[in-house]
Protein backbone atom coordinates (compact mmCIF):
# COMPACT_ATOMS: atom_id res chain seq x y z
CA UNK A 1 -11.05 34.98 -5.24
CA UNK A 2 -10.14 36.66 -1.58
CA UNK A 3 -12.20 39.46 0.32
CA UNK A 4 -10.07 42.19 -1.45
CA UNK A 5 -8.43 42.26 -4.91
CA UNK A 6 -5.31 43.97 -3.19
CA UNK A 7 -4.69 40.75 -1.25
CA UNK A 8 -2.34 38.34 -2.85
CA UNK A 9 -1.87 34.53 -1.90
CA UNK A 10 1.94 34.07 -1.49
CA UNK A 11 3.95 31.95 0.65
CA UNK A 12 6.51 34.58 1.04
CA UNK A 13 5.20 38.26 0.46
CA UNK A 14 5.96 41.82 1.44
CA UNK A 15 8.69 43.92 2.17
CA UNK A 16 9.23 44.40 5.99
CA UNK A 17 11.72 45.86 8.37
CA UNK A 18 12.39 44.16 11.60
CA UNK A 19 13.84 45.39 14.66
CA UNK A 20 15.15 43.61 18.01
CA UNK A 21 15.03 44.89 21.46
CA UNK A 22 14.10 43.53 25.30
CA UNK A 23 12.07 44.85 28.04
CA UNK A 24 12.54 44.35 31.91
CA UNK A 25 9.86 43.52 34.24
CA UNK A 26 11.04 45.03 37.50
CA UNK A 27 8.28 43.48 39.57
CA UNK A 28 9.51 39.83 38.81
CA UNK A 29 13.00 40.36 40.00
CA UNK A 30 14.05 42.29 36.66
CA UNK A 31 12.74 39.58 34.47
CA UNK A 32 14.03 40.12 30.70
CA UNK A 33 11.54 39.67 27.70
CA UNK A 34 13.23 39.78 24.71
CA UNK A 35 11.24 40.80 21.39
CA UNK A 36 11.38 41.10 17.47
CA UNK A 37 9.03 43.50 15.76
CA UNK A 38 8.34 43.00 12.11
CA UNK A 39 6.73 46.15 10.47
CA UNK A 40 5.70 47.36 6.97
CA UNK A 41 9.12 48.71 5.15
CA UNK A 42 6.83 51.57 3.43
CA UNK A 43 6.39 54.69 5.01
CA UNK A 44 2.69 54.32 5.33
CA UNK A 45 1.02 57.32 7.36
CA UNK A 46 -1.55 55.15 9.33
CA UNK A 47 -1.01 53.34 12.77
CA UNK A 48 -0.66 49.47 12.90
CA UNK A 49 -2.86 47.05 14.94
CA UNK A 50 -0.52 44.97 17.22
CA UNK A 51 -0.31 41.39 16.61
CA UNK A 52 1.81 39.09 19.45
CA UNK A 53 3.33 35.87 18.85
CA UNK A 54 4.49 33.60 21.84
CA UNK A 55 6.53 30.62 20.76
CA UNK A 56 6.29 26.92 21.50
CA UNK A 57 8.67 25.05 23.82
CA UNK A 58 12.05 25.36 23.08
CA UNK A 59 11.64 27.92 20.66
CA UNK A 60 12.28 31.65 20.55
CA UNK A 61 11.28 35.10 19.09
CA UNK A 62 12.84 34.07 15.75
CA UNK A 63 10.34 31.39 14.90
CA UNK A 64 7.50 31.69 12.45
CA UNK A 65 9.17 34.19 10.12
CA UNK A 66 7.02 33.05 7.07
CA UNK A 67 3.77 34.29 8.89
CA UNK A 68 4.99 37.19 10.65
CA UNK A 69 6.42 38.57 7.33
CA UNK A 70 3.29 38.09 5.42
CA UNK A 71 0.90 39.95 8.14
CA UNK A 72 3.16 42.49 8.68
CA UNK A 73 3.55 43.60 5.07
CA UNK A 74 -0.22 44.20 5.35
CA UNK A 75 -0.05 46.78 7.76
CA UNK A 76 0.61 45.23 11.33
CA UNK A 77 3.48 45.52 13.86
CA UNK A 78 3.87 41.73 14.38
CA UNK A 79 6.01 41.20 17.76
CA UNK A 80 7.38 38.01 18.75
CA UNK A 81 8.55 37.36 22.35
CA UNK A 82 11.05 35.11 23.75
CA UNK A 83 9.81 33.08 26.96
CA UNK A 84 13.21 32.50 29.14
CA UNK A 85 13.19 29.36 30.66
CA UNK A 86 10.83 27.51 28.02
CA UNK A 87 12.72 28.79 24.99
CA UNK A 88 16.02 27.64 23.05
CA UNK A 89 17.68 27.61 26.46
CA UNK A 90 16.54 24.44 27.23
CA UNK A 91 18.23 22.41 24.68
CA UNK A 92 21.05 24.56 23.11
CA UNK A 93 24.69 23.24 23.60
CA UNK A 94 23.32 19.95 24.98
CA UNK A 95 23.71 16.60 23.10
CA UNK A 96 21.15 14.81 21.16
CA UNK A 97 18.41 16.11 18.99
CA UNK A 98 16.57 19.41 20.30
CA UNK A 99 13.42 17.27 20.36
CA UNK A 100 14.96 14.45 22.35
CA UNK A 101 16.38 17.09 24.75
CA UNK A 102 12.86 19.02 24.97
CA UNK A 103 10.96 15.85 25.78
CA UNK A 104 13.34 15.01 28.79
CA UNK A 105 12.94 18.44 30.16
CA UNK A 106 10.72 19.21 32.84
CA UNK A 107 9.39 22.87 32.85
CA UNK A 108 8.62 23.95 36.43
CA UNK A 109 5.18 25.44 37.13
CA UNK A 110 6.86 28.67 38.20
CA UNK A 111 8.67 28.83 34.72
CA UNK A 112 5.33 28.31 32.92
CA UNK A 113 3.42 31.31 35.07
CA UNK A 114 6.22 33.41 33.97
CA UNK A 115 5.57 32.70 30.62
CA UNK A 116 1.92 33.66 30.81
CA UNK A 117 2.75 37.02 32.65
CA UNK A 118 5.27 38.03 30.58
CA UNK A 119 2.52 38.91 27.86
CA UNK A 120 0.82 41.36 29.91
CA UNK A 121 4.15 42.82 30.94
CA UNK A 122 4.93 43.34 27.51
CA UNK A 123 1.81 45.20 26.70
CA UNK A 124 2.22 47.14 29.83
CA UNK A 125 5.63 48.18 28.51
CA UNK A 126 4.45 48.81 24.74
CA UNK A 127 4.69 52.83 24.86
CA UNK A 128 8.47 52.14 25.91
CA UNK A 129 8.98 49.83 22.96
CA UNK A 130 7.23 52.32 20.44
CA UNK A 131 9.32 55.05 21.69
CA UNK A 132 12.87 52.89 21.63
CA UNK A 133 12.64 52.37 17.79
CA UNK A 134 12.07 55.20 15.19
CA UNK A 135 10.23 52.42 12.70
CA UNK A 136 7.70 52.42 15.78
CA UNK A 137 7.61 55.91 16.87
CA UNK A 138 3.82 57.05 16.50
CA UNK A 139 3.02 54.12 14.63
CA UNK A 140 1.57 51.34 17.20
CA UNK A 141 -2.23 51.39 17.62
CA UNK A 142 -2.39 50.07 21.26
CA UNK A 143 -6.30 49.91 21.18
CA UNK A 144 -5.90 46.91 18.71
CA UNK A 145 -4.22 44.35 19.82
CA UNK A 146 -4.17 40.55 18.93
CA UNK A 147 -2.77 37.46 20.86
CA UNK A 148 -1.24 34.35 18.97
CA UNK A 149 1.13 31.55 19.48
CA UNK A 150 2.06 27.92 18.41
CA UNK A 151 1.78 24.98 20.94
CA UNK A 152 2.72 26.07 24.13
CA UNK A 153 2.43 29.72 22.94
CA UNK A 154 -1.40 28.31 21.67
CA UNK A 155 -2.11 27.71 25.43
CA UNK A 156 -0.42 30.96 26.50
CA UNK A 157 -2.89 32.76 24.05
CA UNK A 158 -5.68 30.61 25.34
CA UNK A 159 -4.67 32.05 29.11
CA UNK A 160 -4.67 35.48 27.70
CA UNK A 161 -8.23 34.82 26.37
CA UNK A 162 -9.66 33.41 29.73
CA UNK A 163 -8.85 29.98 29.85
CA UNK A 164 -8.74 28.77 33.40
CA UNK A 165 -5.70 27.37 35.22
CA UNK A 166 -5.73 25.16 38.41
CA UNK A 167 -7.90 22.11 39.43
CA UNK A 168 -11.32 21.17 40.64
CA UNK A 169 -12.58 24.13 42.54
CA UNK A 170 -9.23 25.70 42.76
CA UNK A 171 -9.25 27.54 39.21
CA UNK A 172 -8.13 30.65 38.55
CA UNK A 173 -7.59 32.82 35.39
CA UNK A 174 -4.81 35.35 34.13
CA UNK A 175 -6.69 36.99 31.07
CA UNK A 176 -5.89 40.34 29.67
CA UNK A 177 -8.79 42.37 28.51
CA UNK A 178 -6.78 44.37 26.24
CA UNK A 179 -6.50 41.53 23.35
CA UNK A 180 -9.60 41.84 21.38
CA UNK A 181 -8.76 38.66 19.27
CA UNK A 182 -6.71 35.84 19.29
CA UNK A 183 -5.21 32.81 17.06
CA UNK A 184 -4.18 29.80 18.63
CA UNK A 185 -1.91 27.30 16.54
CA UNK A 186 -1.98 23.78 17.36
CA UNK A 187 -4.23 24.85 20.32
CA UNK A 188 -3.06 22.91 23.52
CA UNK A 189 -5.66 21.04 25.79
CA UNK A 190 -4.76 21.14 29.53
CA UNK A 191 -7.57 19.45 31.41
CA UNK A 192 -7.04 16.07 33.38
CA UNK A 193 -8.85 13.17 33.18
CA UNK A 194 -12.06 13.44 35.22
CA UNK A 195 -12.18 17.40 35.08
CA UNK A 196 -15.00 19.12 33.24
CA UNK A 197 -13.38 20.49 30.14
CA UNK A 198 -16.44 23.33 29.89
CA UNK A 199 -14.98 24.62 33.32
CA UNK A 200 -11.53 24.86 31.99
CA UNK A 201 -12.42 26.18 28.47
CA UNK A 202 -15.75 27.89 28.89
CA UNK A 203 -14.69 30.98 29.85
CA UNK A 204 -12.57 31.78 27.11
CA UNK A 205 -14.14 35.24 26.53
CA UNK A 206 -12.87 36.91 23.31
CA UNK A 207 -12.82 35.89 19.72
CA UNK A 208 -10.59 33.16 18.95
CA UNK A 209 -9.42 31.22 15.83
CA UNK A 210 -8.02 27.64 16.56
CA UNK A 211 -5.91 25.82 13.85
CA UNK A 212 -4.82 22.29 13.74
CA UNK A 213 -4.34 19.61 11.29
CA UNK A 214 -5.36 15.99 11.09
CA UNK A 215 -1.61 15.08 11.44
CA UNK A 216 -0.90 17.71 14.39
CA UNK A 217 0.30 14.92 16.74
CA UNK A 218 2.08 16.37 19.87
CA UNK A 219 5.57 16.10 19.61
CA UNK A 220 5.94 15.73 23.27
CA UNK A 221 3.09 13.61 24.50
CA UNK A 222 2.34 11.79 20.60
CA UNK A 223 -1.39 12.53 21.31
CA UNK A 224 -3.51 12.89 18.23
CA UNK A 225 -5.34 16.32 16.91
CA UNK A 226 -8.57 15.14 18.42
CA UNK A 227 -7.35 16.15 21.80
CA UNK A 228 -6.99 19.62 20.67
CA UNK A 229 -10.73 19.92 19.70
CA UNK A 230 -12.57 20.18 23.26
CA UNK A 231 -10.81 23.78 23.63
CA UNK A 232 -13.09 24.74 20.55
CA UNK A 233 -15.95 22.84 21.69
CA UNK A 234 -16.53 24.06 25.11
CA UNK A 235 -15.02 27.86 24.76
CA UNK A 236 -18.10 30.17 24.97
CA UNK A 237 -16.20 33.61 24.00
CA UNK A 238 -18.01 35.24 21.13
CA UNK A 239 -17.12 34.03 17.49
CA UNK A 240 -15.09 31.05 17.92
CA UNK A 241 -13.47 29.70 14.81
CA UNK A 242 -11.88 26.27 13.83
CA UNK A 243 -9.92 25.46 11.13
CA UNK A 244 -8.73 21.54 10.54
CA UNK A 245 -6.26 21.29 7.56
CA UNK A 246 -6.31 17.70 6.24
CA UNK A 247 -2.60 16.20 6.62
CA UNK A 248 -1.25 19.34 8.36
CA UNK A 249 1.31 18.31 11.16
CA UNK A 250 2.42 20.17 14.23
CA UNK A 251 5.35 22.21 12.89
CA UNK A 252 3.92 23.36 9.78
CA UNK A 253 1.97 26.13 11.68
CA UNK A 254 5.53 27.15 13.31
CA UNK A 255 7.57 27.10 10.04
CA UNK A 256 10.30 25.05 11.11
CA UNK A 257 10.38 20.89 10.69
CA UNK A 258 12.43 19.71 13.63
CA UNK A 259 12.39 15.64 13.09
CA UNK A 260 9.38 15.98 10.80
CA UNK A 261 10.18 15.82 6.76
CA UNK A 262 8.56 17.79 4.35
CA UNK A 263 5.00 16.57 3.01
CA UNK A 264 3.22 16.87 -0.33
CA UNK A 265 0.69 19.69 0.67
CA UNK A 266 3.13 21.58 2.90
CA UNK A 267 3.40 24.61 0.67
CA UNK A 268 -0.41 24.83 0.28
CA UNK A 269 -0.76 24.55 4.08
CA UNK A 270 1.46 27.30 4.82
CA UNK A 271 -0.36 29.27 2.12
CA UNK A 272 -3.91 28.60 3.77
CA UNK A 273 -2.28 29.58 7.29
CA UNK A 274 -0.98 32.68 6.03
CA UNK A 275 -4.24 33.73 4.01
CA UNK A 276 -6.89 32.90 6.80
CA UNK A 277 -4.53 34.60 9.66
CA UNK A 278 -4.20 37.63 7.61
CA UNK A 279 -8.23 37.86 6.83
CA UNK A 280 -9.09 37.20 10.75
CA UNK A 281 -6.94 40.12 11.90
CA UNK A 282 -8.25 42.30 9.12
CA UNK A 283 -11.69 41.13 10.59
CA UNK A 284 -11.24 41.51 14.11
CA UNK A 285 -8.52 44.07 14.57
CA UNK A 286 -9.35 46.51 11.50
CA UNK A 287 -12.89 45.51 11.50
CA UNK A 288 -13.23 44.77 7.79
CA UNK A 289 -16.51 43.52 6.96
CA UNK A 290 -15.70 41.84 3.64
CA UNK A 291 -13.10 39.91 5.65
CA UNK A 292 -15.59 38.78 7.97
CA UNK A 293 -18.01 38.04 5.47
CA UNK A 294 -15.44 35.96 3.27
CA UNK A 295 -14.18 34.17 6.57
CA UNK A 296 -17.13 33.11 7.61
CA UNK A 297 -19.19 32.72 4.24
CA UNK A 298 -18.62 30.62 1.15
CA UNK A 299 -15.49 32.81 0.45
CA UNK A 300 -13.32 30.73 2.84
CA UNK A 301 -15.02 27.29 2.06
CA UNK A 302 -14.42 27.46 -1.72
CA UNK A 303 -10.82 28.69 -1.02
CA UNK A 304 -10.31 25.71 1.24
CA UNK A 305 -12.00 23.17 -1.22
CA UNK A 306 -10.96 19.66 0.01
CA UNK A 307 -7.53 20.91 1.94
CA UNK A 308 -9.40 21.55 5.19
CA UNK A 309 -12.56 22.08 7.07
CA UNK A 310 -13.61 25.57 8.64
CA UNK A 311 -16.24 25.75 11.41
CA UNK A 312 -17.60 29.06 12.84
CA UNK A 313 -19.56 29.32 15.74
CA UNK A 314 -20.82 33.00 16.67
CA UNK A 315 -21.76 32.39 20.43
CA UNK A 316 -23.48 35.75 20.27
CA UNK A 317 -21.94 38.70 18.29
CA UNK A 318 -18.27 39.76 19.13
CA UNK A 319 -17.78 43.58 20.79
CA UNK A 320 -15.03 44.75 18.09
CA UNK A 321 -14.86 48.27 19.97
CA UNK A 322 -11.66 49.19 21.36
């Protein structure tokens, strides 16, 4: 049983509308930020909380549609961004499998910083995005914005939440306080050997849900899922959540497969990813107390059964006020 009888568990669910566009950041030499928006197709009278999505290395705004459609169909504007320079352009038109090309590609630090800054730049321009599309006009609740992403996009989410950049004493942050909560799918560790992970991840300052799986090896470095756990273990922000799915691999969280074959539990894992994502957003962007109680109590544990482990660490009560 889920947190509301109206919530249906399904791998593909709901009827949504999709609109495309792009914004331009004039402060960065006219950098373009393409986007794709999923919104409910029905003529609901209420405004939609916003969930941003940042793709992984070599991805684009077209990824993770299985998740965007499901969340949007339950009353959200889900907006996927493309980060130029770490998107599909790094492998399109090149010989070899995209993963092999991606592994061989060096992403300059400047490109990484542009990716991080894309997010805040896009939020700055949300009023213009809303005005540009009839489907969005008067429908966006900019006081309730969540941040999410997969792999490199998970790192982007962590940075928005307060994770530090740099090394040693030269740490700095790019946190955006307009985000009320975040989900990091295949969260990504960045600290180097000899550095203190608490100094890097401790400053994460908003509620976060981290999702990974026991087969979530990095397609770039080959490191196992255990390297992702110090992020959750060291984050000191309020209401930190961790989901570890038994047997889930890296790409199940993004919807595409790359070089990975399908596996027996894949459909079940996708359903869990959808269901827990929606419940989390309901709890933190819609302030649904039933969703919060289900997510942090026996409801979630009973739903997962033997398919995964869920850990909730409050670290103090989250402030859900806009």
